[in-house]
N, C-alpha and C. Protein backbone atom coordinates (compact mmCIF):
# COMPACT_ATOMS: atom_id res chain seq x y z
N MET A 1 0.86 -1.28 0.00
CA MET A 1 0.08 0.07 0.05
C MET A 1 0.84 1.25 -0.04
N PRO A 2 0.46 2.22 -0.69
CA PRO A 2 1.24 3.65 -0.60
C PRO A 2 1.13 4.20 0.52
N ARG A 3 2.15 4.72 1.16
CA ARG A 3 2.01 5.24 2.40
C ARG A 3 1.52 6.90 2.36
N GLY A 4 0.86 6.85 3.44
CA GLY A 4 0.28 8.25 3.50
C GLY A 4 1.11 9.58 3.87
N ARG A 5 0.95 10.68 3.92
CA ARG A 5 1.47 11.72 4.37
C ARG A 5 1.76 11.93 5.85
N LYS A 6 2.64 12.55 6.36
CA LYS A 6 2.55 12.63 7.53
C LYS A 6 1.73 13.45 8.16
N LYS A 7 1.22 13.26 9.38
CA LYS A 7 0.16 14.00 10.26
C LYS A 7 0.59 15.43 10.37
N SER A 8 1.93 15.52 10.56
CA SER A 8 2.22 16.98 10.72
C SER A 8 2.20 17.66 9.64
N ASP A 9 2.35 17.12 8.52
CA ASP A 9 2.45 17.70 6.98
C ASP A 9 1.03 18.11 6.64
N VAL A 10 0.18 17.14 6.90
CA VAL A 10 -1.44 17.34 6.53
C VAL A 10 -1.95 18.57 7.29
N SER A 11 -1.56 18.43 8.70
CA SER A 11 -2.08 19.52 9.67
C SER A 11 -1.47 20.81 9.27
N ARG A 12 -0.16 21.19 8.63
CA ARG A 12 0.33 22.23 8.25
C ARG A 12 -0.22 22.59 7.07
N GLU A 13 -0.44 21.87 6.13
CA GLU A 13 -1.15 22.42 4.77
C GLU A 13 -2.43 22.80 4.98
N GLU A 14 -3.35 22.04 5.86
CA GLU A 14 -4.47 22.40 6.24
C GLU A 14 -4.81 23.77 6.88
N LYS A 15 -3.88 23.76 7.91
CA LYS A 15 -3.81 25.47 8.56
C LYS A 15 -3.61 26.47 7.55
N LEU A 16 -2.63 26.11 6.76
CA LEU A 16 -2.31 27.26 5.59
C LEU A 16 -3.53 27.45 4.76
N LEU A 17 -4.14 26.31 4.10
CA LEU A 17 -5.17 26.53 3.39
C LEU A 17 -6.44 27.26 4.15
N LYS A 18 -6.91 26.87 5.45
CA LYS A 18 -7.71 27.57 6.23
C LYS A 18 -7.53 29.12 6.19
N LYS A 19 -6.00 29.49 6.51
CA LYS A 19 -5.69 30.84 6.68
C LYS A 19 -5.90 31.61 5.32
N ARG A 20 -5.60 30.81 4.26
CA ARG A 20 -5.89 31.69 2.96
C ARG A 20 -7.25 31.64 2.61
N GLU A 21 -7.99 30.80 3.00
CA GLU A 21 -9.42 31.05 2.77
C GLU A 21 -10.19 32.12 3.78
N ALA A 22 -9.94 32.36 5.04
CA ALA A 22 -10.20 33.12 5.76
C ALA A 22 -9.76 34.63 5.31
N GLU A 23 -8.51 34.64 4.96
CA GLU A 23 -8.11 36.02 4.42
C GLU A 23 -8.95 36.40 2.87
N ARG A 24 -9.27 35.28 2.07
CA ARG A 24 -9.86 35.55 1.09
C ARG A 24 -11.43 35.86 1.38
N GLN A 25 -11.80 35.55 2.43
CA GLN A 25 -13.23 35.77 2.66
C GLN A 25 -13.46 37.33 3.49
N ARG A 26 -12.20 37.45 4.23
CA ARG A 26 -12.28 38.77 4.73
C ARG A 26 -12.19 40.04 3.45
N ARG A 27 -11.16 39.70 2.65
CA ARG A 27 -11.13 40.59 1.65
C ARG A 27 -12.71 40.81 0.85
N ALA A 28 -13.13 39.71 0.53
CA ALA A 28 -14.61 39.52 -0.17
C ALA A 28 -15.79 40.31 0.76
N LEU A 29 -15.76 40.12 1.87
CA LEU A 29 -16.49 41.00 2.71
C LEU A 29 -16.30 42.42 2.97
N ARG A 30 -14.87 42.67 2.96
CA ARG A 30 -14.76 44.24 2.87
C ARG A 30 -15.25 44.83 1.55
N LYS A 31 -15.01 43.98 0.44
CA LYS A 31 -15.09 44.63 -0.81
C LYS A 31 -16.58 44.67 -1.11
N ASN A 32 -17.47 43.82 -0.63
CA ASN A 32 -18.78 43.80 -0.62
C ASN A 32 -19.65 44.78 0.09
N ASP A 33 -18.81 45.38 1.10
CA ASP A 33 -19.47 46.47 2.09
C ASP A 33 -19.10 47.69 1.61
N PRO A 34 -20.26 48.63 1.23
CA PRO A 34 -19.82 49.62 0.90
C PRO A 34 -18.92 50.58 1.82
N GLU A 35 -19.41 50.77 3.21
CA GLU A 35 -18.72 51.26 4.07
C GLU A 35 -17.34 50.82 4.36
N LEU A 36 -16.97 49.66 4.36
CA LEU A 36 -15.70 49.13 4.34
C LEU A 36 -14.69 49.11 3.17
N ARG A 37 -15.34 48.98 2.10
CA ARG A 37 -14.73 49.58 0.92
C ARG A 37 -14.45 50.75 0.71
N GLU A 38 -15.31 51.80 1.44
CA GLU A 38 -14.61 53.25 1.42
C GLU A 38 -13.83 53.34 2.53
N GLU A 39 -13.44 52.79 3.52
CA GLU A 39 -12.70 52.94 4.51
C GLU A 39 -11.16 52.57 3.84
N ASP A 40 -11.15 51.45 3.27
CA ASP A 40 -10.08 50.66 2.52
C ASP A 40 -9.48 51.93 1.58
N ARG A 41 -10.49 52.57 0.65
CA ARG A 41 -10.02 53.45 -0.47
C ARG A 41 -9.47 54.59 0.59
N ILE A 42 -9.94 55.17 1.25
CA ILE A 42 -9.30 56.45 2.28
C ILE A 42 -8.07 55.94 2.85
N LYS A 43 -7.94 54.90 3.27
CA LYS A 43 -6.70 54.43 4.10
C LYS A 43 -5.62 54.34 2.90
N GLU A 44 -5.96 53.62 1.56
CA GLU A 44 -4.77 53.83 0.59
C GLU A 44 -4.80 55.11 0.10
N HIS A 45 -5.71 56.27 0.08
CA HIS A 45 -5.31 57.36 -0.42
C HIS A 45 -4.55 58.12 0.62
N LEU A 46 -4.53 57.92 1.88
CA LEU A 46 -3.79 58.44 2.96
C LEU A 46 -2.45 58.02 2.70
N ARG A 47 -2.10 56.60 2.53
CA ARG A 47 -0.98 56.21 2.20
C ARG A 47 -0.10 56.90 1.07
N TYR A 48 -1.00 57.00 0.11
CA TYR A 48 -0.53 57.68 -1.18
C TYR A 48 -0.01 59.20 -0.82
N ILE A 49 -0.80 60.06 -0.13
CA ILE A 49 -0.48 61.10 0.25
C ILE A 49 0.95 61.00 1.40
N GLN A 50 0.94 60.28 2.01
CA GLN A 50 1.85 60.08 2.91
C GLN A 50 3.39 59.97 2.10
N ARG A 51 3.18 58.93 1.09
CA ARG A 51 4.33 58.81 -0.11
C ARG A 51 4.76 59.89 -0.55
N LYS A 52 3.81 60.53 -1.14
CA LYS A 52 4.22 61.80 -1.63
C LYS A 52 4.81 62.79 -1.01
N ASN A 53 4.49 62.83 0.15
CA ASN A 53 5.12 63.88 1.44
C ASN A 53 6.51 63.43 1.41
N ASP A 54 6.89 62.01 1.31
CA ASP A 54 8.22 61.83 1.44
C ASP A 54 9.07 61.86 0.26
N LEU A 55 8.83 62.48 -0.74
CA LEU A 55 9.49 62.54 -1.90
C LEU A 55 10.61 63.42 -1.64
N LEU A 56 11.78 63.19 -2.44
CA LEU A 56 13.21 63.84 -2.34
C LEU A 56 12.99 65.44 -2.51
N LYS A 57 12.19 65.63 -3.49
CA LYS A 57 11.87 67.21 -3.57
C LYS A 57 11.33 67.90 -2.42
N ASP A 58 10.62 67.32 -1.60
CA ASP A 58 9.75 67.97 -0.34
C ASP A 58 10.77 67.87 1.06
N LEU A 59 11.91 67.06 0.72
CA LEU A 59 13.16 66.97 1.83
C LEU A 59 14.10 68.13 1.80
N ASN A 60 14.61 68.16 2.95
CA ASN A 60 15.77 69.46 2.96
C ASN A 60 17.17 68.54 2.63
N GLU A 61 18.11 69.39 2.39
CA GLU A 61 19.29 68.60 1.99
C GLU A 61 19.65 67.40 2.61
N ARG A 62 19.77 67.68 4.01
CA ARG A 62 20.24 66.49 4.95
C ARG A 62 19.25 65.23 4.68
N ASP A 63 17.98 65.43 4.65
CA ASP A 63 17.22 64.26 4.52
C ASP A 63 17.07 63.90 3.18
N ARG A 64 17.47 64.48 2.14
CA ARG A 64 17.76 64.14 0.82
C ARG A 64 18.98 63.01 0.94
N ARG A 65 19.82 63.66 1.47
CA ARG A 65 21.25 62.79 1.42
C ARG A 65 20.97 61.32 2.29
N ALA A 66 20.17 61.32 3.61
CA ALA A 66 19.83 60.34 4.21
C ALA A 66 19.25 59.17 3.26
N LYS A 67 18.14 59.97 2.56
CA LYS A 67 16.93 58.94 1.84
C LYS A 67 17.97 58.34 0.70
N ARG A 68 18.68 59.04 -0.03
CA ARG A 68 19.51 58.45 -0.81
C ARG A 68 20.62 57.42 -0.37
N LYS A 69 21.07 57.61 0.81
CA LYS A 69 21.73 56.75 1.36
C LYS A 69 21.12 55.49 1.55
N LYS A 70 19.91 55.48 2.22
CA LYS A 70 19.05 54.69 2.61
C LYS A 70 18.72 53.67 1.19
N LEU A 71 18.39 54.34 0.33
CA LEU A 71 18.18 53.77 -1.08
C LEU A 71 19.32 52.82 -1.62
N LYS A 72 20.40 53.30 -1.52
CA LYS A 72 21.45 52.43 -1.96
C LYS A 72 21.85 51.45 -1.24
N GLU A 73 21.65 51.53 0.42
CA GLU A 73 21.70 50.15 1.12
C GLU A 73 20.85 49.30 0.75
N ASN A 74 19.60 49.66 0.50
CA ASN A 74 18.80 48.58 0.16
C ASN A 74 18.72 47.95 -1.13
N LEU A 75 19.05 48.76 -2.14
CA LEU A 75 19.46 48.41 -3.52
C LEU A 75 20.93 47.31 -3.27
N ALA A 76 21.87 47.78 -2.38
CA ALA A 76 23.14 46.75 -2.38
C ALA A 76 22.90 45.63 -1.63
N ALA A 77 21.64 45.73 -0.71
CA ALA A 77 21.31 44.19 0.05
C ALA A 77 20.47 43.57 -0.88
N PHE A 78 19.60 44.09 -1.67
CA PHE A 78 18.83 43.19 -2.79
C PHE A 78 19.72 42.60 -3.52
N ARG A 79 20.76 43.36 -4.24
CA ARG A 79 21.57 42.65 -5.01
C ARG A 79 22.47 41.62 -4.50
N LEU A 80 22.60 41.94 -3.40
CA LEU A 80 23.56 40.89 -2.34
C LEU A 80 22.73 39.47 -2.46
N ARG A 81 21.41 39.59 -2.07
CA ARG A 81 20.52 38.65 -1.81
C ARG A 81 20.22 37.71 -3.47
N GLN A 82 20.34 38.55 -4.42
CA GLN A 82 20.16 37.99 -5.41
C GLN A 82 21.50 36.98 -5.95
N LYS A 83 22.55 37.75 -5.59
CA LYS A 83 23.72 36.96 -5.83
C LYS A 83 23.96 35.87 -5.02
N VAL A 84 23.51 35.91 -3.69
CA VAL A 84 23.79 34.58 -3.23
C VAL A 84 22.60 33.39 -3.53
N LEU A 85 21.31 34.21 -3.94
CA LEU A 85 20.33 32.92 -4.49
C LEU A 85 21.10 32.26 -5.69
N ASP A 86 21.40 33.22 -6.78
CA ASP A 86 21.80 32.90 -8.09
C ASP A 86 23.05 31.59 -7.88
N GLN A 87 23.83 31.80 -6.99
CA GLN A 87 25.02 31.29 -6.70
C GLN A 87 24.67 29.72 -6.04
N ALA A 88 23.42 29.70 -5.14
CA ALA A 88 23.10 28.48 -4.65
C ALA A 88 22.12 27.73 -5.72
N LEU A 89 21.60 28.32 -6.53
CA LEU A 89 20.80 27.77 -7.56
C LEU A 89 21.57 27.24 -8.60
N ARG A 90 22.94 27.77 -9.17
CA ARG A 90 23.78 27.47 -9.92
C ARG A 90 24.51 25.84 -9.33
N ASN A 91 24.87 25.91 -8.00
CA ASN A 91 25.24 24.81 -7.46
C ASN A 91 24.42 23.70 -7.24
N THR A 92 23.25 23.68 -7.46
CA THR A 92 22.38 22.91 -7.11
C THR A 92 22.01 22.08 -8.57
N PRO A 93 22.17 20.58 -8.45
CA PRO A 93 22.01 19.89 -9.60
C PRO A 93 20.86 19.95 -9.95
N PRO A 94 20.37 19.68 -11.43
CA PRO A 94 18.82 19.49 -11.55
C PRO A 94 18.63 18.05 -11.17
N PRO A 95 17.15 17.95 -10.75
CA PRO A 95 16.78 16.52 -10.61
C PRO A 95 16.78 15.61 -11.89
N SER A 96 17.41 14.43 -11.44
CA SER A 96 17.67 13.56 -12.58
C SER A 96 16.23 13.09 -13.11
N PRO A 97 16.20 12.74 -14.55
CA PRO A 97 14.79 12.54 -14.96
C PRO A 97 14.56 11.15 -14.67
N PRO A 98 13.26 10.50 -14.33
CA PRO A 98 13.21 9.23 -14.08
C PRO A 98 13.53 8.29 -15.16
N GLN A 99 14.19 6.97 -15.10
CA GLN A 99 14.21 6.33 -15.97
C GLN A 99 13.12 5.27 -16.36
N PRO A 100 13.09 5.12 -17.88
CA PRO A 100 12.09 4.42 -18.24
C PRO A 100 12.38 3.07 -17.74
N THR A 101 11.09 2.33 -17.26
CA THR A 101 11.36 0.92 -17.01
C THR A 101 9.99 0.17 -17.42
N PRO A 102 9.94 -0.12 -18.63
CA PRO A 102 8.85 -0.79 -19.59
C PRO A 102 8.43 -2.12 -19.00
N ALA A 103 9.64 -2.54 -18.50
CA ALA A 103 9.37 -4.36 -17.91
C ALA A 103 8.78 -4.30 -16.57
N ARG A 104 8.86 -3.13 -15.86
CA ARG A 104 8.07 -3.11 -14.54
C ARG A 104 7.11 -2.06 -14.58
N PRO A 105 6.32 -2.55 -13.69
CA PRO A 105 4.87 -1.68 -13.51
C PRO A 105 5.49 -0.30 -12.47
N TYR A 106 4.78 0.74 -12.79
CA TYR A 106 5.15 1.90 -12.15
C TYR A 106 4.84 1.91 -10.48
N SER A 107 5.93 2.09 -9.68
CA SER A 107 5.78 2.14 -8.41
C SER A 107 5.49 3.87 -7.89
N SER A 108 4.41 3.62 -7.30
CA SER A 108 4.01 4.90 -6.58
C SER A 108 4.92 5.38 -5.43
N ASP A 109 5.50 4.31 -4.79
CA ASP A 109 6.43 4.49 -3.85
C ASP A 109 7.84 5.20 -4.35
N GLY A 110 8.29 4.47 -5.47
CA GLY A 110 9.51 5.33 -6.04
C GLY A 110 9.34 6.57 -6.28
N GLY A 111 8.22 6.80 -6.96
CA GLY A 111 7.90 8.44 -7.74
C GLY A 111 7.65 9.20 -6.11
N ARG A 112 7.15 8.70 -5.03
CA ARG A 112 7.21 9.49 -3.80
C ARG A 112 8.43 9.90 -3.29
N SER A 113 9.25 8.71 -3.45
CA SER A 113 10.81 8.88 -2.86
C SER A 113 11.45 9.92 -3.36
N ARG A 114 11.28 9.83 -4.87
CA ARG A 114 12.02 11.00 -5.55
C ARG A 114 11.49 12.17 -5.10
N GLN A 115 10.30 12.41 -5.03
CA GLN A 115 9.83 13.68 -4.83
C GLN A 115 10.08 14.30 -3.38
N GLU A 116 10.28 13.33 -2.35
CA GLU A 116 10.73 13.54 -1.21
C GLU A 116 12.24 14.03 -1.14
N ALA A 117 12.90 13.49 -1.97
CA ALA A 117 14.59 13.64 -2.10
C ALA A 117 14.59 15.18 -2.81
N GLY A 118 13.67 15.15 -3.75
CA GLY A 118 13.75 16.59 -4.38
C GLY A 118 13.25 17.74 -3.15
N ARG A 119 12.36 17.71 -2.63
CA ARG A 119 11.98 18.21 -1.43
C ARG A 119 13.06 18.74 -0.36
N ARG A 120 13.51 17.54 -0.02
CA ARG A 120 14.85 17.59 1.06
C ARG A 120 15.79 18.71 0.29
N ARG A 121 16.44 18.20 -0.78
CA ARG A 121 17.35 19.00 -1.44
C ARG A 121 17.00 20.62 -1.48
N ILE A 122 15.81 20.94 -1.90
CA ILE A 122 15.29 22.36 -2.02
C ILE A 122 15.35 22.95 -0.75
N LYS A 123 14.89 22.14 0.24
CA LYS A 123 14.97 22.62 1.83
C LYS A 123 16.28 22.97 2.18
N ARG A 124 17.26 21.80 1.92
CA ARG A 124 18.66 22.43 2.30
C ARG A 124 18.89 23.60 1.69
N ASN A 125 18.93 23.54 0.30
CA ASN A 125 19.42 24.77 -0.38
C ASN A 125 18.95 26.22 0.30
N ARG A 126 17.50 26.25 0.41
CA ARG A 126 16.93 27.11 1.30
C ARG A 126 17.74 27.74 2.40
N SER A 127 17.83 26.57 3.11
CA SER A 127 18.27 26.73 4.51
C SER A 127 19.92 27.30 4.46
N LYS A 128 20.77 27.10 3.47
CA LYS A 128 21.81 27.25 3.11
C LYS A 128 21.86 28.99 2.84
N ILE A 129 21.07 29.23 1.83
CA ILE A 129 20.73 30.62 1.57
C ILE A 129 20.38 31.45 2.54
N TYR A 130 19.38 31.00 3.50
CA TYR A 130 19.08 31.75 4.53
C TYR A 130 20.34 31.84 5.48
N ARG A 131 20.95 31.02 5.96
CA ARG A 131 22.03 31.12 6.64
C ARG A 131 23.07 32.17 6.38
N GLU A 132 23.18 32.07 4.93
CA GLU A 132 24.34 33.04 4.08
C GLU A 132 23.73 34.34 4.19
N TYR A 133 22.36 34.55 4.10
CA TYR A 133 22.10 36.01 3.90
C TYR A 133 21.89 36.48 5.25
N GLU A 134 21.68 35.63 6.39
CA GLU A 134 21.57 36.04 7.74
C GLU A 134 23.17 36.58 8.17
N ARG A 135 24.18 35.82 7.77
CA ARG A 135 25.59 35.93 7.90
C ARG A 135 25.91 37.28 7.46
N LEU A 136 25.58 37.65 6.15
CA LEU A 136 25.97 38.89 5.41
C LEU A 136 25.02 40.01 5.99
N LYS A 137 23.84 39.87 6.54
CA LYS A 137 23.08 40.69 7.09
C LYS A 137 23.81 41.40 8.52
N LYS A 138 24.10 40.44 9.14
CA LYS A 138 25.01 40.67 10.57
C LYS A 138 26.12 41.27 10.03
N HIS A 139 26.97 40.89 9.23
CA HIS A 139 28.40 41.66 8.82
C HIS A 139 27.93 43.04 8.55
N ASN A 140 26.85 43.42 7.58
CA ASN A 140 26.46 44.69 7.19
C ASN A 140 26.39 45.53 8.34
N LYS A 141 25.41 44.95 9.50
CA LYS A 141 24.78 45.43 10.55
C LYS A 141 26.22 45.88 11.38
N SER A 142 27.38 45.11 11.48
CA SER A 142 28.31 45.50 12.29
C SER A 142 28.93 46.69 11.65
N LEU A 143 28.95 46.84 10.12
CA LEU A 143 29.75 47.85 9.51
C LEU A 143 29.09 48.95 9.84
N GLN A 144 27.82 49.22 9.61
CA GLN A 144 27.07 50.20 9.92
C GLN A 144 27.22 50.74 11.51
N GLN A 145 27.45 49.69 12.28
CA GLN A 145 27.50 50.26 13.64
C GLN A 145 28.91 51.03 13.78
N ALA A 146 29.82 50.43 13.10
CA ALA A 146 31.39 51.16 13.34
C ALA A 146 31.30 52.03 12.76
N LYS A 147 30.52 52.31 11.56
CA LYS A 147 30.60 53.63 10.81
C LYS A 147 29.99 54.71 11.74
N GLU A 148 28.77 54.33 12.22
CA GLU A 148 28.19 55.52 13.25
C GLU A 148 29.05 55.80 14.31
N ARG A 149 29.84 54.70 14.79
CA ARG A 149 30.45 55.00 15.87
C ARG A 149 31.55 56.30 15.54
N TYR A 150 32.46 55.82 14.59
CA TYR A 150 33.35 56.72 13.84
C TYR A 150 32.87 58.03 13.57
N ARG A 151 31.45 58.01 13.15
CA ARG A 151 31.07 59.63 12.86
C ARG A 151 30.73 60.16 14.14
N LYS A 152 30.31 59.70 15.21
CA LYS A 152 30.13 60.23 16.49
C LYS A 152 31.34 60.89 16.85
N GLN A 153 32.43 60.30 16.75
CA GLN A 153 33.68 60.50 17.18
C GLN A 153 34.06 61.85 16.37
N LEU A 154 33.88 61.67 15.58
CA LEU A 154 34.50 62.97 14.23
C LEU A 154 33.43 64.08 14.68
N ASP A 155 32.12 63.75 14.94
CA ASP A 155 31.24 65.05 15.15
C ASP A 155 31.96 65.51 16.60
N ARG A 156 32.14 64.74 17.72
CA ARG A 156 32.77 65.36 18.95
C ARG A 156 34.09 65.97 18.63
N LEU A 157 34.80 65.62 17.85
CA LEU A 157 36.04 66.27 17.64
C LEU A 157 35.78 67.62 17.12
N ARG A 158 35.06 67.56 16.09
CA ARG A 158 34.64 69.04 15.40
C ARG A 158 34.17 69.98 16.48
N THR A 159 33.26 69.57 17.15
CA THR A 159 32.53 70.07 18.13
C THR A 159 33.47 70.77 19.03
N LYS A 160 34.42 69.99 19.41
CA LYS A 160 35.65 70.46 20.33
C LYS A 160 36.34 71.37 19.78
N LEU A 161 36.90 71.32 18.43
CA LEU A 161 37.67 72.50 17.86
C LEU A 161 36.97 73.69 17.32
N GLU A 162 35.62 73.35 17.57
CA GLU A 162 34.75 74.84 17.35
C GLU A 162 34.58 75.53 18.40
N GLN A 163 34.68 74.89 19.54
CA GLN A 163 34.44 75.54 21.08
C GLN A 163 35.93 76.17 21.34
N GLN A 164 36.79 75.41 21.07
CA GLN A 164 38.35 76.13 21.11
C GLN A 164 38.59 77.47 20.39
N LYS A 165 37.82 77.85 19.31
CA LYS A 165 38.14 78.99 18.56
C LYS A 165 37.49 80.36 19.69
N PHE A 166 36.49 79.95 20.47
CA PHE A 166 36.04 81.06 21.20
C PHE A 166 36.33 81.08 22.64
N LEU A 167 37.38 80.27 23.07
CA LEU A 167 38.01 80.22 24.29
C LEU A 167 38.54 81.74 24.68
N SER A 168 38.48 82.16 25.95
CA SER A 168 39.15 83.41 26.41
C SER A 168 40.63 83.00 26.52
N PRO A 169 41.58 83.92 26.51
CA PRO A 169 43.16 83.79 26.72
C PRO A 169 43.17 83.12 28.04
N ASN A 170 42.69 83.51 29.16
CA ASN A 170 42.77 82.92 30.36
C ASN A 170 42.26 81.45 30.42
N THR A 171 41.36 80.97 29.66
CA THR A 171 40.78 79.84 29.75
C THR A 171 42.02 78.81 28.78
N LYS A 172 42.34 79.26 27.77
CA LYS A 172 43.51 78.93 27.11
C LYS A 172 44.60 78.34 27.72
N VAL A 173 45.14 79.35 28.62
CA VAL A 173 46.21 79.30 29.49
C VAL A 173 46.40 78.28 30.68
N ASN A 174 44.84 78.40 31.10
CA ASN A 174 44.49 77.30 32.31
C ASN A 174 44.66 75.82 31.65
N GLN A 175 44.01 75.60 30.20
CA GLN A 175 44.07 74.33 29.60
C GLN A 175 45.62 74.14 29.33
N LEU A 176 46.61 74.86 29.07
CA LEU A 176 47.88 74.50 28.62
C LEU A 176 48.42 74.28 29.93
N LEU A 177 48.42 74.79 31.03
CA LEU A 177 48.84 74.68 32.50
C LEU A 177 48.18 73.42 33.19
N LYS A 178 47.53 72.73 32.78
CA LYS A 178 46.90 71.78 33.50
C LYS A 178 47.49 70.48 33.00
N LYS A 179 48.06 70.45 31.70
CA LYS A 179 48.55 69.23 31.25
C LYS A 179 50.27 69.52 31.17
N ASP A 180 51.07 68.79 32.01
CA ASP A 180 52.45 69.14 32.10
C ASP A 180 53.11 67.91 31.10
N THR A 181 52.86 68.40 29.72
CA THR A 181 53.54 67.39 28.79
C THR A 181 54.83 68.23 27.84
N PRO A 182 55.59 67.52 27.28
CA PRO A 182 56.52 68.30 26.45
C PRO A 182 55.84 69.13 25.39
N GLU A 183 54.76 68.91 24.70
CA GLU A 183 54.07 69.43 23.65
C GLU A 183 53.70 70.83 24.44
N ASN A 184 52.84 70.71 25.57
CA ASN A 184 52.33 71.72 26.14
C ASN A 184 53.39 72.76 26.83
N ARG A 185 54.42 72.11 27.30
CA ARG A 185 55.45 73.23 27.78
C ARG A 185 56.05 74.08 26.31
N ARG A 186 56.28 73.27 25.23
CA ARG A 186 56.99 74.04 24.13
C ARG A 186 55.78 75.12 23.87
N GLU A 187 54.39 74.83 23.85
CA GLU A 187 53.36 75.65 23.77
C GLU A 187 53.36 76.86 24.47
N VAL A 188 53.54 76.60 25.68
CA VAL A 188 53.69 77.69 26.89
C VAL A 188 54.75 78.73 26.53
N ARG A 189 56.12 78.17 26.15
CA ARG A 189 57.23 78.85 25.86
C ARG A 189 56.91 79.45 24.79
N ARG A 190 56.56 79.16 23.67
CA ARG A 190 56.25 79.94 22.38
C ARG A 190 55.37 81.23 22.76
N LYS A 191 54.27 80.97 23.43
CA LYS A 191 53.23 82.09 23.86
C LYS A 191 53.87 82.80 24.59
N LEU A 192 54.82 82.80 25.69
CA LEU A 192 55.37 83.63 26.70
C LEU A 192 56.65 84.60 26.01
N VAL A 193 57.17 83.69 24.95
CA VAL A 193 57.98 84.61 24.04
C VAL A 193 57.52 85.85 23.10
N PHE A 194 56.31 85.23 22.76
CA PHE A 194 55.82 86.19 21.97
C PHE A 194 55.09 87.12 22.80
N ALA A 195 54.68 86.69 23.98
CA ALA A 195 54.14 88.03 24.67
C ALA A 195 55.18 88.97 25.22
N GLU A 196 56.10 88.31 25.32
CA GLU A 196 57.40 89.34 25.78
C GLU A 196 58.08 90.28 24.83
N THR A 197 58.05 89.55 23.43
CA THR A 197 58.24 90.29 22.49
C THR A 197 57.46 91.16 22.09
N THR A 198 55.91 91.09 22.26
CA THR A 198 55.00 92.08 21.94
C THR A 198 55.00 93.39 22.95
N GLU A 199 55.57 92.76 24.26
CA GLU A 199 55.32 93.87 25.09
C GLU A 199 56.60 94.96 24.90
N GLN A 200 57.63 94.24 24.59
CA GLN A 200 58.93 95.24 24.50
C GLN A 200 58.37 96.12 23.25
N GLN A 201 58.06 95.82 22.18
CA GLN A 201 57.74 96.40 20.91
C GLN A 201 56.61 97.53 21.30
N LEU A 202 55.82 97.44 22.05
CA LEU A 202 54.75 98.38 22.34
C LEU A 202 55.42 99.31 23.29
N THR A 203 56.06 99.01 24.31
CA THR A 203 57.01 99.70 25.12
C THR A 203 57.86 100.82 24.21
N TYR A 204 58.42 100.29 23.41
CA TYR A 204 59.49 101.10 22.44
C TYR A 204 58.77 101.99 21.96
N SER A 205 57.71 101.64 21.28
CA SER A 205 56.83 102.25 20.53
C SER A 205 56.25 103.58 21.16
N TYR A 206 55.86 103.41 22.50
CA TYR A 206 55.00 104.29 23.28
C TYR A 206 56.27 105.48 23.55
N LYS A 207 57.44 104.85 23.92
CA LYS A 207 58.41 105.90 24.48
C LYS A 207 58.73 106.64 23.26
N ASN A 208 58.83 106.20 22.01
CA ASN A 208 59.18 107.08 20.82
C ASN A 208 58.23 108.07 20.53
N LEU A 209 57.05 107.94 20.98
CA LEU A 209 55.85 109.08 20.90
C LEU A 209 56.50 110.60 21.47
N LYS A 210 56.37 111.46 20.58
CA LYS A 210 56.89 112.90 21.15
C LYS A 210 55.71 113.77 21.92
N LYS A 211 54.51 113.78 21.09
CA LYS A 211 53.51 114.36 21.80
C LYS A 211 52.59 113.56 22.87
N GLN A 212 51.89 114.18 24.01
CA GLN A 212 51.18 113.71 25.02
C GLN A 212 50.00 112.95 24.29
N LYS A 213 49.23 113.80 23.33
CA LYS A 213 48.08 113.50 22.95
C LYS A 213 48.24 112.00 22.28
N HIS A 214 49.44 112.05 21.42
CA HIS A 214 49.62 110.97 20.95
C HIS A 214 49.90 109.28 21.75
N LYS A 215 50.50 110.14 22.87
CA LYS A 215 50.54 108.79 23.81
C LYS A 215 49.30 108.42 24.34
N GLN A 216 48.40 109.41 24.64
CA GLN A 216 47.04 109.07 25.15
C GLN A 216 46.24 108.27 24.21
N ALA A 217 46.44 108.75 22.81
CA ALA A 217 45.63 107.78 21.97
C ALA A 217 46.55 106.44 21.74
N PHE A 218 47.50 106.22 21.87
CA PHE A 218 48.05 105.17 21.85
C PHE A 218 47.74 104.01 22.92
N VAL A 219 47.61 104.72 24.16
CA VAL A 219 47.54 103.99 25.39
C VAL A 219 45.88 103.52 25.24
N LYS A 220 45.15 104.45 24.73
CA LYS A 220 43.47 103.92 24.74
C LYS A 220 43.56 102.99 23.43
N LEU A 221 44.18 102.94 22.63
CA LEU A 221 44.13 101.74 21.61
C LEU A 221 44.49 100.50 22.08
N ILE A 222 45.77 100.49 22.91
CA ILE A 222 46.13 99.48 23.29
C ILE A 222 45.06 98.87 24.07
N GLY A 223 44.29 99.50 24.99
CA GLY A 223 43.58 99.06 26.06
C GLY A 223 42.24 98.79 25.38
N GLU A 224 41.74 99.17 24.25
CA GLU A 224 40.64 98.67 23.61
C GLU A 224 40.80 97.34 22.78
N THR A 225 42.34 97.26 22.31
CA THR A 225 42.71 96.02 21.66
C THR A 225 42.75 94.72 22.48
N PHE A 226 43.24 94.94 23.77
CA PHE A 226 43.62 94.08 24.46
C PHE A 226 42.67 93.96 25.85
């Protein structure tokens, strides 16, 4: 006698058929009900408006760059999945055609065995493709996380450099004195030499002024500058 299908396989197929039939009936019910049909039409129209609002022309430059980046990433992931799938299909040998056996009657068990073997081979290939896809997805996620981490570090460095531009002289000197390193000592020495040279030059220029009003103007100018 031909063997029947396993109970688990039958149960799974029956559940799938029932689910499809319930979904078909639900769609038919909503389609035949004027209120439900109008509700679906409004929802679809709202989704259409939302998609229109997300067009690149309605976004600012930063959002446009983010949108283009996301589209490129999705396209790259899609191409990668297609490449893995094509490679797996190429590596899968085609099923051997059944050999004619005119001297023997057809055996339903033999045909069923070939079908089972084909299904197992397809299942193995699908599992292999899925594992490869998951591995590549995890690798891509780790790359994205590393890129985001480096981007944040760069942003913090840029912010720190921008803040350095607006520090007062006292704050800059205090920062230099806090760290006793050879580089900081060289920087402090350079600034002290520059300050001493500037003071001597200003003193010399002040003494060479002949008129008192010129000296007063010079002192006022130096006071406003420093």
